Amino acid sequence: MIDIGEGWEGLAAALRGSDVRERVYVVGSTDSGKTTLCRYLVDTTAAQTRTAYVDCDTGQSRIGPPTTEGMVLCSGPTFLRFVGSTSPGGHFVQTITGAKRLVEKAEELSARATVIDSPGLVSGGTGIEFQFQMIDLLRPTRIVALQRGRELERLLANFARRPGVAIHRIPVSPAVVARTATGRRRYREERFASYFAGAELQEIPLRGLGLQGRVPDMRNPRGSPGGWSPSTTPRTLLSPSASSKICTPEDGGSRSSPRPSTRPPSRRSGSVRYTWISGRFRGRWSRLGPESLTPGRARARPRTPPPGRG
């Protein structure tokens, strides 16, 4: 059951009564109740209009596994976008681009209201600039700022006079419970394990594929362990599917099983460490993409992100 906070009902009523297409950008620090507010807005709005939820928090993902952004349309399909990290740091372009593509996809599927759950990186010059670029590109009709004081005012000042943008300042609910770093790590591990459960192992050759992101050094196969293997389609949107593992033998080539019926044009690399429970692979984040993933029960072992970015 959702504990409704101050200002939530008025915001939800404004969305339901709107006669224009709405994009709602919910911004706030870690443990400010963004996801709970987004759930409330989606649940109350979807009864009257076609509503989409876009999850941009790659560390505590609610739609896909960690390292991905996701979009779900009420009574419709789910789409994922691979970013490659559990925090925006070092992956600003991938995070912002992924959010833009998912919001566009929601509207392509006729969503009249799109609720965007933003990452919790809001502090300091880096956080403000990141959030400014997200908002500037996504062009929301409403910015919902969850604050404990005035910590977001420097960001909000950039949009105070922008035509077509309404700013809603909402206090952080006293019902919000802060999660520990251990609890966040455990959540990521559980999400990885759940997503990979029942996946099938495939070996896909690298020859002829485009490589993007943090591409491992193929001249050093010992430093390029197997891992998630996201394959990017021409649309570069992802959907959960079979799992893949890149195999680089000592001669620098790639071992492979028979090719899948549809071979993706490229693979994207990220920057997360993980360990399988049944079989161990070490190294920087592997290759996860639209039609892939890894075998068996996997357990994620992400690198510890900088403070405030987990």
C-alpha atoms as a PDB file:
ATOM      1  CA  MET A   1       0.000   0.000   0.000  1.00  0.00           C
ATOM      2  CA  ILE A   2       1.360   3.441  -0.953  1.00  0.00           C
ATOM      3  CA  ASP A   3       1.579   6.087   1.761  1.00  0.00           C
ATOM      4  CA  ILE A   4       0.358   9.178  -0.110  1.00  0.00           C
ATOM      5  CA  GLY A   5       2.544  12.214   0.540  1.00  0.00           C
ATOM      6  CA  GLU A   6       1.792  15.920   0.634  1.00  0.00           C
ATOM      7  CA  GLY A   7       0.939  17.347  -2.784  1.00  0.00           C
ATOM      8  CA  TRP A   8       0.614  13.976  -4.510  1.00  0.00           C
ATOM      9  CA  GLU A   9      -3.157  14.005  -4.962  1.00  0.00           C
ATOM     10  CA  GLY A  10      -3.178  17.484  -6.482  1.00  0.00           C
ATOM     11  CA  LEU A  11      -0.454  16.518  -8.952  1.00  0.00           C
ATOM     12  CA  ALA A  12      -2.291  13.341  -9.952  1.00  0.00           C
ATOM     13  CA  ALA A  13      -5.527  15.309 -10.426  1.00  0.00           C
ATOM     14  CA  ALA A  14      -3.719  17.792 -12.681  1.00  0.00           C
ATOM     15  CA  LEU A  15      -2.461  14.926 -14.867  1.00  0.00           C
ATOM     16  CA  ARG A  16      -5.880  13.305 -15.114  1.00  0.00           C
ATOM     17  CA  GLY A  17      -7.518  16.596 -16.021  1.00  0.00           C
ATOM     18  CA  SER A  18      -4.967  17.602 -18.630  1.00  0.00           C
ATOM     19  CA  ASP A  19      -6.059  17.837 -22.259  1.00  0.00           C
ATOM     20  CA  VAL A  20      -2.462  17.835 -23.625  1.00  0.00           C
ATOM     21  CA  ARG A  21       0.198  15.150 -23.816  1.00  0.00           C
ATOM     22  CA  GLU A  22       2.136  15.182 -20.542  1.00  0.00           C
ATOM     23  CA  ARG A  23       5.773  14.344 -19.748  1.00  0.00           C
ATOM     24  CA  VAL A  24       6.432  14.347 -16.010  1.00  0.00           C
ATOM     25  CA  TYR A  25      10.071  14.402 -14.859  1.00  0.00           C
ATOM     26  CA  VAL A  26      10.442  13.390 -11.198  1.00  0.00           C
ATOM     27  CA  VAL A  27      13.762  14.516  -9.713  1.00  0.00           C
ATOM     28  CA  GLY A  28      15.242  14.126  -6.246  1.00  0.00           C
ATOM     29  CA  SER A  29      18.177  12.702  -4.361  1.00  0.00           C
ATOM     30  CA  THR A  30      18.622   9.053  -3.450  1.00  0.00           C
ATOM     31  CA  ASP A  31      15.979   7.877  -0.943  1.00  0.00           C
ATOM     32  CA  SER A  32      13.606  10.776  -1.611  1.00  0.00           C
ATOM     33  CA  GLY A  33      10.645   8.598  -2.641  1.00  0.00           C
ATOM     34  CA  LYS A  34      10.818   9.205  -6.412  1.00  0.00           C
ATOM     35  CA  THR A  35       9.865   5.665  -7.439  1.00  0.00           C
ATOM     36  CA  THR A  36       6.946   5.484  -4.996  1.00  0.00           C
ATOM     37  CA  LEU A  37       5.582   8.793  -6.260  1.00  0.00           C
ATOM     38  CA  CYS A  38       5.994   7.616  -9.861  1.00  0.00           C
ATOM     39  CA  ARG A  39       4.074   4.408  -9.092  1.00  0.00           C
ATOM     40  CA  TYR A  40       1.278   6.451  -7.544  1.00  0.00           C
ATOM     41  CA  LEU A  41       1.071   8.802 -10.534  1.00  0.00           C
ATOM     42  CA  VAL A  42       1.081   5.935 -13.029  1.00  0.00           C
ATOM     43  CA  ASP A  43      -1.533   3.929 -11.121  1.00  0.00           C
ATOM     44  CA  THR A  44      -3.917   6.849 -10.706  1.00  0.00           C
ATOM     45  CA  THR A  45      -3.476   8.213 -14.236  1.00  0.00           C
ATOM     46  CA  ALA A  46      -3.599   4.938 -16.166  1.00  0.00           C
ATOM     47  CA  ALA A  47      -7.263   4.433 -15.270  1.00  0.00           C
ATOM     48  CA  GLN A  48      -8.172   7.415 -17.467  1.00  0.00           C
ATOM     49  CA  THR A  49      -5.436   7.771 -20.074  1.00  0.00           C
ATOM     50  CA  ARG A  50      -2.744   5.711 -21.786  1.00  0.00           C
ATOM     51  CA  THR A  51       0.251   6.016 -19.447  1.00  0.00           C
ATOM     52  CA  ALA A  52       3.918   5.010 -19.646  1.00  0.00           C
ATOM     53  CA  TYR A  53       6.552   4.691 -16.916  1.00  0.00           C
ATOM     54  CA  VAL A  54      10.216   5.328 -17.813  1.00  0.00           C
ATOM     55  CA  ASP A  55      12.758   4.098 -15.247  1.00  0.00           C
ATOM     56  CA  CYS A  56      16.177   5.810 -15.594  1.00  0.00           C
ATOM     57  CA  ASP A  57      17.691   4.508 -12.335  1.00  0.00           C
ATOM     58  CA  THR A  58      20.208   1.924 -13.572  1.00  0.00           C
ATOM     59  CA  GLY A  59      21.376   1.065 -10.050  1.00  0.00           C
ATOM     60  CA  GLN A  60      17.970   0.216  -8.575  1.00  0.00           C
ATOM     61  CA  SER A  61      16.142  -0.700 -11.773  1.00  0.00           C
ATOM     62  CA  ARG A  62      12.473  -1.638 -11.379  1.00  0.00           C
ATOM     63  CA  ILE A  63      11.747  -2.752 -14.947  1.00  0.00           C
ATOM     64  CA  GLY A  64      14.898  -4.503 -16.203  1.00  0.00           C
ATOM     65  CA  PRO A  65      18.115  -5.743 -14.631  1.00  0.00           C
ATOM     66  CA  PRO A  66      20.637  -3.282 -13.166  1.00  0.00           C
ATOM     67  CA  THR A  67      22.640  -1.344 -15.786  1.00  0.00           C
ATOM     68  CA  THR A  68      19.523  -0.854 -17.928  1.00  0.00           C
ATOM     69  CA  GLU A  69      16.866   1.803 -18.283  1.00  0.00           C
ATOM     70  CA  GLY A  70      13.334   0.640 -18.994  1.00  0.00           C
ATOM     71  CA  MET A  71       9.937   1.717 -20.227  1.00  0.00           C
ATOM     72  CA  VAL A  72       6.651  -0.032 -19.604  1.00  0.00           C
ATOM     73  CA  LEU A  73       3.346   0.971 -21.107  1.00  0.00           C
ATOM     74  CA  CYS A  74       0.326   0.149 -18.962  1.00  0.00           C
ATOM     75  CA  SER A  75      -1.395  -2.847 -20.551  1.00  0.00           C
ATOM     76  CA  GLY A  76       1.381  -2.915 -23.137  1.00  0.00           C
ATOM     77  CA  PRO A  77       4.936  -4.043 -23.870  1.00  0.00           C
ATOM     78  CA  THR A  78       8.168  -3.415 -21.966  1.00  0.00           C
ATOM     79  CA  PHE A  79      11.347  -2.009 -23.518  1.00  0.00           C
ATOM     80  CA  LEU A  80      14.881  -1.866 -22.134  1.00  0.00           C
ATOM     81  CA  ARG A  81      17.911   0.225 -23.015  1.00  0.00           C
ATOM     82  CA  PHE A  82      21.408  -0.897 -21.998  1.00  0.00           C
ATOM     83  CA  VAL A  83      23.547   1.763 -20.304  1.00  0.00           C
ATOM     84  CA  GLY A  84      26.335  -0.432 -18.913  1.00  0.00           C
ATOM     85  CA  SER A  85      26.722   0.896 -15.369  1.00  0.00           C
ATOM     86  CA  THR A  86      24.810   1.074 -12.096  1.00  0.00           C
ATOM     87  CA  SER A  87      25.374   4.839 -11.843  1.00  0.00           C
ATOM     88  CA  PRO A  88      25.368   7.676 -14.405  1.00  0.00           C
ATOM     89  CA  GLY A  89      28.981   8.610 -13.651  1.00  0.00           C
ATOM     90  CA  GLY A  90      31.132   7.842 -16.694  1.00  0.00           C
ATOM     91  CA  HIS A  91      27.999   6.958 -18.687  1.00  0.00           C
ATOM     92  CA  PHE A  92      26.230  10.310 -19.001  1.00  0.00           C
ATOM     93  CA  VAL A  93      25.787  10.096 -22.761  1.00  0.00           C
ATOM     94  CA  GLN A  94      24.395   6.537 -22.621  1.00  0.00           C
ATOM     95  CA  THR A  95      22.006   7.467 -19.782  1.00  0.00           C
ATOM     96  CA  ILE A  96      20.664  10.610 -21.449  1.00  0.00           C
ATOM     97  CA  THR A  97      20.407   9.020 -24.897  1.00  0.00           C
ATOM     98  CA  GLY A  98      18.674   5.944 -23.515  1.00  0.00           C
ATOM     99  CA  ALA A  99      16.116   8.038 -21.640  1.00  0.00           C
ATOM    100  CA  LYS A 100      15.385  10.051 -24.767  1.00  0.00           C
ATOM    101  CA  ARG A 101      14.842   6.959 -26.897  1.00  0.00           C
ATOM    102  CA  LEU A 102      12.537   5.363 -24.326  1.00  0.00           C
ATOM    103  CA  VAL A 103      10.417   8.500 -23.952  1.00  0.00           C
ATOM    104  CA  GLU A 104      10.131   8.731 -27.737  1.00  0.00           C
ATOM    105  CA  LYS A 105       9.108   5.062 -27.840  1.00  0.00           C
ATOM    106  CA  ALA A 106       6.367   5.674 -25.282  1.00  0.00           C
ATOM    107  CA  GLU A 107       4.886   8.456 -27.378  1.00  0.00           C
ATOM    108  CA  GLU A 108       5.293   6.421 -30.558  1.00  0.00           C
ATOM    109  CA  LEU A 109       3.022   3.883 -28.827  1.00  0.00           C
ATOM    110  CA  SER A 110       0.459   6.640 -28.160  1.00  0.00           C
ATOM    111  CA  ALA A 111       1.153   7.303 -24.476  1.00  0.00           C
ATOM    112  CA  ARG A 112      -0.693  10.453 -23.410  1.00  0.00           C
ATOM    113  CA  ALA A 113       1.145  10.675 -20.077  1.00  0.00           C
ATOM    114  CA  THR A 114       4.764   9.621 -19.551  1.00  0.00           C
ATOM    115  CA  VAL A 115       6.170   9.550 -16.005  1.00  0.00           C
ATOM    116  CA  ILE A 116       9.989   9.645 -15.864  1.00  0.00           C
ATOM    117  CA  ASP A 117      11.797   8.332 -12.780  1.00  0.00           C
ATOM    118  CA  SER A 118      15.214  10.047 -12.871  1.00  0.00           C
ATOM    119  CA  PRO A 119      18.570   8.939 -11.375  1.00  0.00           C
ATOM    120  CA  GLY A 120      19.399  10.170  -7.868  1.00  0.00           C
ATOM    121  CA  LEU A 121      22.502  12.104  -8.942  1.00  0.00           C
ATOM    122  CA  VAL A 122      21.555  15.698  -8.064  1.00  0.00           C
ATOM    123  CA  SER A 123      24.293  17.106  -5.836  1.00  0.00           C
ATOM    124  CA  GLY A 124      27.235  19.292  -6.775  1.00  0.00           C
ATOM    125  CA  GLY A 125      28.020  20.851 -10.122  1.00  0.00           C
ATOM    126  CA  THR A 126      28.143  17.470 -11.845  1.00  0.00           C
ATOM    127  CA  GLY A 127      24.730  16.410 -10.583  1.00  0.00           C
ATOM    128  CA  ILE A 128      23.096  19.707 -11.498  1.00  0.00           C
ATOM    129  CA  GLU A 129      24.604  19.717 -14.984  1.00  0.00           C
ATOM    130  CA  PHE A 130      23.577  16.088 -15.565  1.00  0.00           C
ATOM    131  CA  GLN A 131      19.986  16.763 -14.493  1.00  0.00           C
ATOM    132  CA  PHE A 132      19.868  19.971 -16.540  1.00  0.00           C
ATOM    133  CA  GLN A 133      20.897  18.088 -19.680  1.00  0.00           C
ATOM    134  CA  MET A 134      18.348  15.323 -18.993  1.00  0.00           C
ATOM    135  CA  ILE A 135      15.525  17.828 -18.567  1.00  0.00           C
ATOM    136  CA  ASP A 136      16.624  20.000 -21.478  1.00  0.00           C
ATOM    137  CA  LEU A 137      16.637  17.014 -23.852  1.00  0.00           C
ATOM    138  CA  LEU A 138      13.493  15.258 -22.579  1.00  0.00           C
ATOM    139  CA  ARG A 139      11.476  18.510 -22.513  1.00  0.00           C
ATOM    140  CA  PRO A 140       8.981  17.610 -19.787  1.00  0.00           C
ATOM    141  CA  THR A 141       5.754  19.525 -19.368  1.00  0.00           C
ATOM    142  CA  ARG A 142       6.097  19.150 -15.594  1.00  0.00           C
ATOM    143  CA  ILE A 143       9.134  18.935 -13.316  1.00  0.00           C
ATOM    144  CA  VAL A 144       8.353  17.389  -9.942  1.00  0.00           C
ATOM    145  CA  ALA A 145      11.061  18.263  -7.407  1.00  0.00           C
ATOM    146  CA  LEU A 146      11.211  16.161  -4.226  1.00  0.00           C
ATOM    147  CA  GLN A 147      13.166  18.230  -1.703  1.00  0.00           C
ATOM    148  CA  ARG A 148      14.070  18.089   1.975  1.00  0.00           C
ATOM    149  CA  GLY A 149      14.967  21.780   1.888  1.00  0.00           C
ATOM    150  CA  ARG A 150      16.025  23.864  -1.102  1.00  0.00           C
ATOM    151  CA  GLU A 151      18.659  21.515  -2.508  1.00  0.00           C
ATOM    152  CA  LEU A 152      17.156  21.509  -6.014  1.00  0.00           C
ATOM    153  CA  GLU A 153      16.557  25.243  -6.373  1.00  0.00           C
ATOM    154  CA  ARG A 154      19.783  25.842  -8.291  1.00  0.00           C
ATOM    155  CA  LEU A 155      18.619  23.310 -10.876  1.00  0.00           C
ATOM    156  CA  LEU A 156      15.020  24.520 -10.968  1.00  0.00           C
ATOM    157  CA  ALA A 157      16.088  28.131 -11.571  1.00  0.00           C
ATOM    158  CA  ASN A 158      17.105  27.116 -15.101  1.00  0.00           C
ATOM    159  CA  PHE A 159      13.494  26.240 -15.961  1.00  0.00           C
ATOM    160  CA  ALA A 160      11.543  28.747 -13.867  1.00  0.00           C
ATOM    161  CA  ARG A 161      10.747  30.932 -16.894  1.00  0.00           C
ATOM    162  CA  ARG A 162      10.678  28.312 -19.590  1.00  0.00           C
ATOM    163  CA  PRO A 163       7.352  28.341 -21.461  1.00  0.00           C
ATOM    164  CA  GLY A 164       5.260  25.190 -21.241  1.00  0.00           C
ATOM    165  CA  VAL A 165       6.990  23.819 -18.111  1.00  0.00           C
ATOM    166  CA  ALA A 166       5.245  23.676 -14.731  1.00  0.00           C
ATOM    167  CA  ILE A 167       7.383  23.130 -11.618  1.00  0.00           C
ATOM    168  CA  HIS A 168       5.898  21.244  -8.671  1.00  0.00           C
ATOM    169  CA  ARG A 169       7.843  21.434  -5.401  1.00  0.00           C
ATOM    170  CA  ILE A 170       6.908  18.553  -3.130  1.00  0.00           C
ATOM    171  CA  PRO A 171       8.463  17.798   0.284  1.00  0.00           C
ATOM    172  CA  VAL A 172      10.028  14.396   0.844  1.00  0.00           C
ATOM    173  CA  SER A 173       7.518  12.217   2.665  1.00  0.00           C
ATOM    174  CA  PRO A 174       8.386  11.366   6.289  1.00  0.00           C
ATOM    175  CA  ALA A 175       7.431   7.787   5.415  1.00  0.00           C
ATOM    176  CA  VAL A 176      10.528   7.424   3.187  1.00  0.00           C
ATOM    177  CA  VAL A 177      12.947   4.809   4.537  1.00  0.00           C
ATOM    178  CA  ALA A 178      16.624   5.151   3.609  1.00  0.00           C
ATOM    179  CA  ARG A 179      18.259   1.989   2.293  1.00  0.00           C
ATOM    180  CA  THR A 180      21.782   0.993   3.195  1.00  0.00           C
ATOM    181  CA  ALA A 181      24.538   0.393   0.647  1.00  0.00           C
ATOM    182  CA  THR A 182      24.367  -3.307   1.572  1.00  0.00           C
ATOM    183  CA  GLY A 183      20.635  -3.380   0.926  1.00  0.00           C
ATOM    184  CA  ARG A 184      21.080  -1.720  -2.455  1.00  0.00           C
ATOM    185  CA  ARG A 185      23.795  -4.191  -3.441  1.00  0.00           C
ATOM    186  CA  ARG A 186      21.621  -7.115  -2.382  1.00  0.00           C
ATOM    187  CA  TYR A 187      18.734  -5.760  -4.442  1.00  0.00           C
ATOM    188  CA  ARG A 188      20.963  -5.582  -7.535  1.00  0.00           C
ATOM    189  CA  GLU A 189      22.148  -9.150  -7.031  1.00  0.00           C
ATOM    190  CA  GLU A 190      18.572 -10.383  -6.680  1.00  0.00           C
ATOM    191  CA  ARG A 191      17.505  -8.531  -9.824  1.00  0.00           C
ATOM    192  CA  PHE A 192      20.390  -9.995 -11.820  1.00  0.00           C
ATOM    193  CA  ALA A 193      19.633 -13.513 -10.575  1.00  0.00           C
ATOM    194  CA  SER A 194      15.928 -13.175 -11.332  1.00  0.00           C
ATOM    195  CA  TYR A 195      16.535 -11.807 -14.812  1.00  0.00           C
ATOM    196  CA  PHE A 196      19.048 -14.493 -15.768  1.00  0.00           C
ATOM    197  CA  ALA A 197      17.153 -17.426 -14.258  1.00  0.00           C
ATOM    198  CA  GLY A 198      16.413 -19.973 -16.968  1.00  0.00           C
ATOM    199  CA  ALA A 199      18.467 -18.197 -19.619  1.00  0.00           C
ATOM    200  CA  GLU A 200      20.273 -20.306 -22.196  1.00  0.00           C
ATOM    201  CA  LEU A 201      23.997 -20.190 -22.903  1.00  0.00           C
ATOM    202  CA  GLN A 202      25.054 -19.129 -26.390  1.00  0.00           C
ATOM    203  CA  GLU A 203      28.465 -18.396 -27.847  1.00  0.00           C
ATOM    204  CA  ILE A 204      28.387 -15.689 -30.492  1.00  0.00           C
ATOM    205  CA  PRO A 205      31.402 -14.850 -32.693  1.00  0.00           C
ATOM    206  CA  LEU A 206      32.696 -11.288 -32.663  1.00  0.00           C
ATOM    207  CA  ARG A 207      33.908 -11.388 -36.251  1.00  0.00           C
ATOM    208  CA  GLY A 208      31.967  -8.948 -38.387  1.00  0.00           C
ATOM    209  CA  LEU A 209      30.153  -7.320 -35.455  1.00  0.00           C
ATOM    210  CA  GLY A 210      30.345  -3.643 -34.618  1.00  0.00           C
ATOM    211  CA  LEU A 211      31.570  -3.025 -31.061  1.00  0.00           C
ATOM    212  CA  GLN A 212      30.648  -0.006 -28.965  1.00  0.00           C
ATOM    213  CA  GLY A 213      30.884   1.235 -25.393  1.00  0.00           C
ATOM    214  CA  ARG A 214      33.800   0.123 -23.210  1.00  0.00           C
ATOM    215  CA  VAL A 215      35.112  -2.449 -25.624  1.00  0.00           C
ATOM    216  CA  PRO A 216      37.578  -4.961 -24.112  1.00  0.00           C
ATOM    217  CA  ASP A 217      41.046  -5.367 -25.617  1.00  0.00           C
ATOM    218  CA  MET A 218      40.695  -8.337 -27.973  1.00  0.00           C
ATOM    219  CA  ARG A 219      44.503  -8.562 -28.197  1.00  0.00           C
ATOM    220  CA  ASN A 220      44.495  -9.545 -24.536  1.00  0.00           C
ATOM    221  CA  PRO A 221      41.927 -12.370 -24.381  1.00  0.00           C
ATOM    222  CA  ARG A 222      42.765 -13.199 -20.769  1.00  0.00           C
ATOM    223  CA  GLY A 223      41.563  -9.747 -19.878  1.00  0.00           C
ATOM    224  CA  SER A 224      38.335 -10.126 -21.847  1.00  0.00           C
ATOM    225  CA  PRO A 225      36.234 -12.620 -19.917  1.00  0.00           C
ATOM    226  CA  GLY A 226      32.786 -13.792 -20.921  1.00  0.00           C
ATOM    227  CA  GLY A 227      29.772 -11.889 -19.738  1.00  0.00           C
ATOM    228  CA  TRP A 228      26.546 -10.206 -20.690  1.00  0.00           C
ATOM    229  CA  SER A 229      26.263  -9.654 -24.377  1.00  0.00           C
ATOM    230  CA  PRO A 230      23.692  -7.092 -25.428  1.00  0.00           C
ATOM    231  CA  SER A 231      23.185  -6.934 -29.113  1.00  0.00           C
ATOM    232  CA  THR A 232      21.996  -3.671 -30.534  1.00  0.00           C
ATOM    233  CA  THR A 233      19.326  -3.716 -33.190  1.00  0.00           C
ATOM    234  CA  PRO A 234      18.835  -0.877 -35.685  1.00  0.00           C
ATOM    235  CA  ARG A 235      16.363   0.670 -33.232  1.00  0.00           C
ATOM    236  CA  THR A 236      18.771   0.147 -30.294  1.00  0.00           C
ATOM    237  CA  LEU A 237      15.919  -0.667 -27.948  1.00  0.00           C
ATOM    238  CA  LEU A 238      16.182  -3.844 -25.940  1.00  0.00           C
ATOM    239  CA  SER A 239      13.806  -6.569 -24.900  1.00  0.00           C
ATOM    240  CA  PRO A 240      14.552  -9.528 -22.617  1.00  0.00           C
ATOM    241  CA  SER A 241      15.568 -12.611 -24.529  1.00  0.00           C
ATOM    242  CA  ALA A 242      18.104 -15.411 -24.651  1.00  0.00           C
ATOM    243  CA  SER A 243      21.502 -15.027 -23.046  1.00  0.00           C
ATOM    244  CA  SER A 244      24.904 -14.831 -24.626  1.00  0.00           C
ATOM    245  CA  LYS A 245      28.517 -15.251 -23.637  1.00  0.00           C
ATOM    246  CA  ILE A 246      31.528 -13.946 -25.545  1.00  0.00           C
ATOM    247  CA  CYS A 247      34.350 -16.487 -25.677  1.00  0.00           C
ATOM    248  CA  THR A 248      37.878 -15.379 -26.506  1.00  0.00           C
ATOM    249  CA  PRO A 249      40.355 -18.261 -26.727  1.00  0.00           C
ATOM    250  CA  GLU A 250      44.064 -17.771 -26.302  1.00  0.00           C
ATOM    251  CA  ASP A 251      44.675 -17.218 -30.016  1.00  0.00           C
ATOM    252  CA  GLY A 252      42.529 -14.067 -29.846  1.00  0.00           C
ATOM    253  CA  GLY A 253      39.731 -15.497 -31.969  1.00  0.00           C
ATOM    254  CA  SER A 254      36.229 -16.387 -30.883  1.00  0.00           C
ATOM    255  CA  ARG A 255      34.759 -19.808 -30.319  1.00  0.00           C
ATOM    256  CA  SER A 256      31.140 -20.049 -31.270  1.00  0.00           C
ATOM    257  CA  SER A 257      28.231 -22.399 -31.377  1.00  0.00           C
ATOM    258  CA  PRO A 258      25.917 -22.378 -34.416  1.00  0.00           C
ATOM    259  CA  ARG A 259      24.787 -18.857 -35.126  1.00  0.00           C
ATOM    260  CA  PRO A 260      21.331 -17.707 -33.997  1.00  0.00           C
ATOM    261  CA  SER A 261      18.769 -17.319 -36.753  1.00  0.00           C
ATOM    262  CA  THR A 262      18.965 -13.539 -36.407  1.00  0.00           C
ATOM    263  CA  ARG A 263      22.440 -12.126 -35.914  1.00  0.00           C
ATOM    264  CA  PRO A 264      22.572  -8.634 -34.354  1.00  0.00           C
ATOM    265  CA  PRO A 265      24.763  -6.015 -36.052  1.00  0.00           C
ATOM    266  CA  SER A 266      26.657  -4.809 -32.985  1.00  0.00           C
ATOM    267  CA  ARG A 267      27.454  -5.272 -29.300  1.00  0.00           C
ATOM    268  CA  ARG A 268      27.833  -2.734 -26.537  1.00  0.00           C
ATOM    269  CA  SER A 269      30.177  -3.029 -23.553  1.00  0.00           C
ATOM    270  CA  GLY A 270      29.743  -1.491 -20.125  1.00  0.00           C
ATOM    271  CA  SER A 271      31.681  -1.431 -16.846  1.00  0.00           C
ATOM    272  CA  VAL A 272      30.353  -3.776 -14.159  1.00  0.00           C
ATOM    273  CA  ARG A 273      32.049  -6.697 -12.428  1.00  0.00           C
ATOM    274  CA  TYR A 274      30.035  -9.792 -11.691  1.00  0.00           C
ATOM    275  CA  THR A 275      30.447 -13.417 -10.661  1.00  0.00           C
ATOM    276  CA  TRP A 276      28.392 -16.430 -11.656  1.00  0.00           C
ATOM    277  CA  ILE A 277      27.422 -18.793  -8.886  1.00  0.00           C
ATOM    278  CA  SER A 278      28.123 -21.779 -11.141  1.00  0.00           C
ATOM    279  CA  GLY A 279      31.309 -20.766 -12.879  1.00  0.00           C
ATOM    280  CA  ARG A 280      33.323 -17.635 -12.368  1.00  0.00           C
ATOM    281  CA  PHE A 281      34.225 -14.844 -14.744  1.00  0.00           C
ATOM    282  CA  ARG A 282      36.265 -11.841 -13.716  1.00  0.00           C
ATOM    283  CA  GLY A 283      36.845  -8.502 -15.413  1.00  0.00           C
ATOM    284  CA  ARG A 284      35.201  -5.265 -16.333  1.00  0.00           C
ATOM    285  CA  TRP A 285      31.678  -5.243 -17.484  1.00  0.00           C
ATOM    286  CA  SER A 286      30.865  -7.356 -20.331  1.00  0.00           C
ATOM    287  CA  ARG A 287      28.538  -7.158 -23.226  1.00  0.00           C
ATOM    288  CA  LEU A 288      24.851  -6.910 -22.552  1.00  0.00           C
ATOM    289  CA  GLY A 289      22.335  -5.955 -25.178  1.00  0.00           C
ATOM    290  CA  PRO A 290      18.896  -6.175 -26.678  1.00  0.00           C
ATOM    291  CA  GLU A 291      18.573  -9.824 -27.487  1.00  0.00           C
ATOM    292  CA  SER A 292      21.021 -11.418 -25.163  1.00  0.00           C
ATOM    293  CA  LEU A 293      21.889 -12.259 -21.689  1.00  0.00           C
ATOM    294  CA  THR A 294      23.722 -14.737 -19.601  1.00  0.00           C
ATOM    295  CA  PRO A 295      23.219 -18.265 -18.544  1.00  0.00           C
ATOM    296  CA  GLY A 296      22.097 -19.904 -15.407  1.00  0.00           C
ATOM    297  CA  ARG A 297      21.771 -18.138 -12.131  1.00  0.00           C
ATOM    298  CA  ALA A 298      23.975 -15.094 -12.181  1.00  0.00           C
ATOM    299  CA  ARG A 299      25.049 -12.989  -9.298  1.00  0.00           C
ATOM    300  CA  ALA A 300      26.087  -9.413  -9.993  1.00  0.00           C
ATOM    301  CA  ARG A 301      29.133  -7.985  -8.378  1.00  0.00           C
ATOM    302  CA  PRO A 302      29.138  -4.306  -9.378  1.00  0.00           C
ATOM    303  CA  ARG A 303      32.004  -2.043  -8.561  1.00  0.00           C
ATOM    304  CA  THR A 304      31.190   0.241  -5.646  1.00  0.00           C
ATOM    305  CA  PRO A 305      29.943   3.521  -7.127  1.00  0.00           C
ATOM    306  CA  PRO A 306      31.014   6.929  -5.788  1.00  0.00           C
ATOM    307  CA  PRO A 307      29.019   8.182  -2.761  1.00  0.00           C
ATOM    308  CA  GLY A 308      25.558   9.359  -3.679  1.00  0.00           C
ATOM    309  CA  ARG A 309      25.514   7.607  -7.034  1.00  0.00           C
ATOM    310  CA  GLY A 310      24.397   4.118  -6.063  1.00  0.00           C
END
